[in-house]
Protein backbone atom coordinates (compact mmCIF):
# COMPACT_ATOMS: atom_id res chain seq x y z
CA MET A 1 -15.33 -16.57 -10.64
CA PRO A 2 -14.18 -14.46 -7.66
CA LEU A 3 -10.98 -12.42 -7.78
CA ARG A 4 -7.89 -13.76 -6.05
CA ASP A 5 -6.90 -12.42 -2.67
CA PRO A 6 -4.08 -9.84 -3.10
CA GLN A 7 -2.17 -11.54 -0.26
CA SER A 8 -1.69 -14.59 -2.52
CA PHE A 9 0.03 -12.58 -5.28
CA ARG A 10 3.63 -13.63 -5.78
CA TRP A 11 5.05 -10.60 -7.70
CA ILE A 12 2.30 -8.00 -8.03
CA GLY A 13 2.77 -5.17 -5.56
CA LYS A 14 6.04 -6.58 -4.21
CA PRO A 15 9.49 -4.99 -4.55
CA VAL A 16 11.66 -6.86 -7.06
CA PRO A 17 15.44 -6.29 -7.18
CA ARG A 18 16.68 -4.84 -10.49
CA LEU A 19 19.79 -6.86 -11.28
CA ASP A 20 20.37 -5.12 -14.63
CA ILE A 21 20.76 -1.54 -13.38
CA HIS A 22 24.53 -1.68 -12.71
CA ASP A 23 25.36 -3.04 -16.18
CA LYS A 24 23.07 -0.51 -17.87
CA SER A 25 24.47 2.47 -15.96
CA THR A 26 28.11 1.50 -16.53
CA GLY A 27 27.73 0.66 -20.24
CA ARG A 28 28.52 -3.04 -19.78
CA ALA A 29 25.07 -4.18 -20.98
CA ARG A 30 25.10 -5.63 -24.51
CA TYR A 31 22.18 -4.96 -26.84
CA SER A 32 21.44 -6.38 -30.27
CA ILE A 33 22.29 -3.01 -31.86
CA ASP A 34 25.82 -3.35 -30.39
CA GLN A 35 26.55 -6.55 -32.33
CA ARG A 36 29.09 -6.60 -35.17
CA VAL A 37 29.10 -9.18 -37.95
CA GLU A 38 31.97 -9.77 -40.37
CA GLY A 39 31.34 -7.90 -43.62
CA MET A 40 28.56 -5.81 -42.05
CA LEU A 41 27.91 -2.43 -43.68
CA GLN A 42 26.62 0.69 -41.95
CA ALA A 43 24.57 3.51 -43.40
CA ALA A 44 23.35 6.93 -42.27
CA VAL A 45 20.76 9.30 -43.69
CA GLN A 46 22.15 12.67 -44.76
CA HIS A 47 19.68 15.48 -44.16
CA ALA A 48 19.64 18.89 -45.80
CA PRO A 49 21.28 21.66 -43.74
CA ARG A 50 18.08 23.80 -43.75
CA LEU A 51 14.37 23.01 -43.61
CA GLY A 52 12.99 22.77 -47.14
CA ALA A 53 16.40 22.52 -48.79
CA GLU A 54 17.47 19.54 -50.90
CA PRO A 55 20.54 17.48 -49.93
CA ALA A 56 23.48 17.88 -52.31
CA ARG A 57 24.55 14.96 -54.49
CA CYS A 58 27.75 13.23 -53.46
């Protein structure tokens, strides 16, 4: 089967406008990590202050 002629490509090699850039650069874009659910808990890992040290108990 011969390869297609590059002139017949619809998107490959053509400039495509990026419609999402403005929302991403201004902070308006919403991502799944930004979602909040009622009763949702959050956690963070507490690391030791020095390499090789053990974290203190709370």
